[in-house]
C-alpha atoms as a PDB file:
ATOM      1  CA  UNK A   1     -31.324  35.679 -67.995  1.00  0.00           C
ATOM      2  CA  UNK A   2     -33.787  38.368 -68.997  1.00  0.00           C
ATOM      3  CA  UNK A   3     -33.179  41.511 -70.975  1.00  0.00           C
ATOM      4  CA  UNK A   4     -34.708  43.576 -68.181  1.00  0.00           C
ATOM      5  CA  UNK A   5     -38.138  44.082 -66.685  1.00  0.00           C
ATOM      6  CA  UNK A   6     -40.908  46.484 -67.550  1.00  0.00           C
ATOM      7  CA  UNK A   7     -42.054  47.946 -64.236  1.00  0.00           C
ATOM      8  CA  UNK A   8     -45.016  50.249 -63.898  1.00  0.00           C
ATOM      9  CA  UNK A   9     -45.419  51.370 -60.310  1.00  0.00           C
ATOM     10  CA  UNK A  10     -47.449  54.324 -59.160  1.00  0.00           C
ATOM     11  CA  UNK A  11     -46.124  56.548 -56.424  1.00  0.00           C
ATOM     12  CA  UNK A  12     -47.912  56.785 -53.111  1.00  0.00           C
ATOM     13  CA  UNK A  13     -50.448  59.609 -52.778  1.00  0.00           C
ATOM     14  CA  UNK A  14     -48.286  61.341 -50.198  1.00  0.00           C
ATOM     15  CA  UNK A  15     -44.498  61.425 -50.374  1.00  0.00           C
ATOM     16  CA  UNK A  16     -42.205  63.812 -48.541  1.00  0.00           C
ATOM     17  CA  UNK A  17     -38.790  65.204 -49.269  1.00  0.00           C
ATOM     18  CA  UNK A  18     -37.402  64.202 -45.874  1.00  0.00           C
ATOM     19  CA  UNK A  19     -34.961  61.851 -44.177  1.00  0.00           C
ATOM     20  CA  UNK A  20     -37.579  59.163 -43.530  1.00  0.00           C
ATOM     21  CA  UNK A  21     -38.452  59.012 -47.228  1.00  0.00           C
ATOM     22  CA  UNK A  22     -34.768  58.877 -48.160  1.00  0.00           C
ATOM     23  CA  UNK A  23     -34.123  56.015 -45.714  1.00  0.00           C
ATOM     24  CA  UNK A  24     -37.063  53.908 -46.891  1.00  0.00           C
ATOM     25  CA  UNK A  25     -35.241  52.257 -49.862  1.00  0.00           C
ATOM     26  CA  UNK A  26     -32.460  51.193 -47.498  1.00  0.00           C
ATOM     27  CA  UNK A  27     -34.947  49.723 -45.025  1.00  0.00           C
ATOM     28  CA  UNK A  28     -36.768  47.858 -47.776  1.00  0.00           C
ATOM     29  CA  UNK A  29     -33.484  46.584 -49.271  1.00  0.00           C
ATOM     30  CA  UNK A  30     -32.543  45.169 -45.874  1.00  0.00           C
ATOM     31  CA  UNK A  31     -35.894  43.371 -45.760  1.00  0.00           C
ATOM     32  CA  UNK A  32     -35.294  41.945 -49.253  1.00  0.00           C
ATOM     33  CA  UNK A  33     -31.914  40.630 -48.119  1.00  0.00           C
ATOM     34  CA  UNK A  34     -33.529  39.220 -44.993  1.00  0.00           C
ATOM     35  CA  UNK A  35     -36.088  37.352 -47.128  1.00  0.00           C
ATOM     36  CA  UNK A  36     -33.270  35.938 -49.237  1.00  0.00           C
ATOM     37  CA  UNK A  37     -31.318  34.896 -46.126  1.00  0.00           C
ATOM     38  CA  UNK A  38     -34.350  33.343 -44.461  1.00  0.00           C
ATOM     39  CA  UNK A  39     -35.053  31.124 -47.420  1.00  0.00           C
ATOM     40  CA  UNK A  40     -31.528  30.587 -48.760  1.00  0.00           C
ATOM     41  CA  UNK A  41     -31.550  26.910 -47.870  1.00  0.00           C
ATOM     42  CA  UNK A  42     -35.004  26.413 -49.395  1.00  0.00           C
ATOM     43  CA  UNK A  43     -34.209  27.684 -52.892  1.00  0.00           C
ATOM     44  CA  UNK A  44     -33.235  24.254 -54.168  1.00  0.00           C
ATOM     45  CA  UNK A  45     -35.829  22.376 -52.106  1.00  0.00           C
ATOM     46  CA  UNK A  46     -37.873  19.680 -53.757  1.00  0.00           C
ATOM     47  CA  UNK A  47     -40.833  20.829 -51.659  1.00  0.00           C
ATOM     48  CA  UNK A  48     -42.700  23.103 -54.034  1.00  0.00           C
ATOM     49  CA  UNK A  49     -44.709  24.887 -51.330  1.00  0.00           C
ATOM     50  CA  UNK A  50     -41.462  25.951 -49.625  1.00  0.00           C
ATOM     51  CA  UNK A  51     -39.980  27.165 -52.914  1.00  0.00           C
ATOM     52  CA  UNK A  52     -43.155  29.057 -53.819  1.00  0.00           C
ATOM     53  CA  UNK A  53     -43.219  30.754 -50.413  1.00  0.00           C
ATOM     54  CA  UNK A  54     -39.539  31.735 -50.766  1.00  0.00           C
ATOM     55  CA  UNK A  55     -40.062  33.139 -54.251  1.00  0.00           C
ATOM     56  CA  UNK A  56     -43.186  35.067 -53.258  1.00  0.00           C
ATOM     57  CA  UNK A  57     -41.587  36.540 -50.130  1.00  0.00           C
ATOM     58  CA  UNK A  58     -38.485  37.578 -52.048  1.00  0.00           C
ATOM     59  CA  UNK A  59     -40.253  39.145 -55.021  1.00  0.00           C
ATOM     60  CA  UNK A  60     -42.675  40.982 -52.716  1.00  0.00           C
ATOM     61  CA  UNK A  61     -39.768  42.439 -50.746  1.00  0.00           C
ATOM     62  CA  UNK A  62     -37.963  43.378 -53.978  1.00  0.00           C
ATOM     63  CA  UNK A  63     -41.061  45.203 -55.218  1.00  0.00           C
ATOM     64  CA  UNK A  64     -41.214  47.066 -51.902  1.00  0.00           C
ATOM     65  CA  UNK A  65     -37.653  48.261 -52.647  1.00  0.00           C
ATOM     66  CA  UNK A  66     -38.672  49.438 -56.106  1.00  0.00           C
ATOM     67  CA  UNK A  67     -41.753  51.151 -54.673  1.00  0.00           C
ATOM     68  CA  UNK A  68     -39.655  52.987 -52.089  1.00  0.00           C
ATOM     69  CA  UNK A  69     -37.253  54.160 -54.804  1.00  0.00           C
ATOM     70  CA  UNK A  70     -40.135  55.351 -57.011  1.00  0.00           C
ATOM     71  CA  UNK A  71     -41.578  57.265 -54.055  1.00  0.00           C
ATOM     72  CA  UNK A  72     -38.198  58.896 -53.369  1.00  0.00           C
ATOM     73  CA  UNK A  73     -37.840  59.921 -57.014  1.00  0.00           C
ATOM     74  CA  UNK A  74     -41.276  61.516 -56.869  1.00  0.00           C
ATOM     75  CA  UNK A  75     -40.578  63.246 -53.544  1.00  0.00           C
ATOM     76  CA  UNK A  76     -37.473  64.794 -55.121  1.00  0.00           C
ATOM     77  CA  UNK A  77     -39.448  65.956 -58.162  1.00  0.00           C
ATOM     78  CA  UNK A  78     -37.744  63.862 -60.838  1.00  0.00           C
ATOM     79  CA  UNK A  79     -39.549  63.519 -64.163  1.00  0.00           C
ATOM     80  CA  UNK A  80     -39.777  60.536 -66.503  1.00  0.00           C
ATOM     81  CA  UNK A  81     -37.251  62.329 -68.705  1.00  0.00           C
ATOM     82  CA  UNK A  82     -34.836  62.531 -65.756  1.00  0.00           C
ATOM     83  CA  UNK A  83     -35.340  58.838 -65.017  1.00  0.00           C
ATOM     84  CA  UNK A  84     -34.857  57.835 -68.665  1.00  0.00           C
ATOM     85  CA  UNK A  85     -31.615  59.831 -68.840  1.00  0.00           C
ATOM     86  CA  UNK A  86     -30.373  58.242 -65.592  1.00  0.00           C
ATOM     87  CA  UNK A  87     -31.215  54.761 -66.912  1.00  0.00           C
ATOM     88  CA  UNK A  88     -29.209  55.556 -70.036  1.00  0.00           C
ATOM     89  CA  UNK A  89     -26.221  56.650 -67.955  1.00  0.00           C
ATOM     90  CA  UNK A  90     -26.521  53.556 -65.754  1.00  0.00           C
ATOM     91  CA  UNK A  91     -26.638  51.276 -68.793  1.00  0.00           C
ATOM     92  CA  UNK A  92     -23.622  53.048 -70.316  1.00  0.00           C
ATOM     93  CA  UNK A  93     -21.603  52.632 -67.105  1.00  0.00           C
ATOM     94  CA  UNK A  94     -22.507  48.967 -66.883  1.00  0.00           C
ATOM     95  CA  UNK A  95     -21.663  48.439 -70.566  1.00  0.00           C
ATOM     96  CA  UNK A  96     -18.255  50.041 -70.051  1.00  0.00           C
ATOM     97  CA  UNK A  97     -17.648  47.771 -67.049  1.00  0.00           C
ATOM     98  CA  UNK A  98     -18.515  44.675 -69.069  1.00  0.00           C
ATOM     99  CA  UNK A  99     -21.676  43.921 -67.127  1.00  0.00           C
ATOM    100  CA  UNK A 100     -24.032  44.211 -70.110  1.00  0.00           C
END
């Protein structure tokens, strides 16, 4: 288990405050789940090339999710201060629920 990840993603040059931008994280999350499903049986494989391919596909799809969320935050005009405050609230909720 890790204590979190330090992520530093830049937003795309052009983001829009529209429905398509808002739906993008959902689309990317579905692709991340699809990558997990596709390779579910391979996770414990002794064939290293299969495991590497699974891990790379999954992490790439997960980063696409994060990228889509970062783009949506930017399209909505959130600042780093807003994000930091939201992370604090999220951590507090998860602490209260016994998840952290």
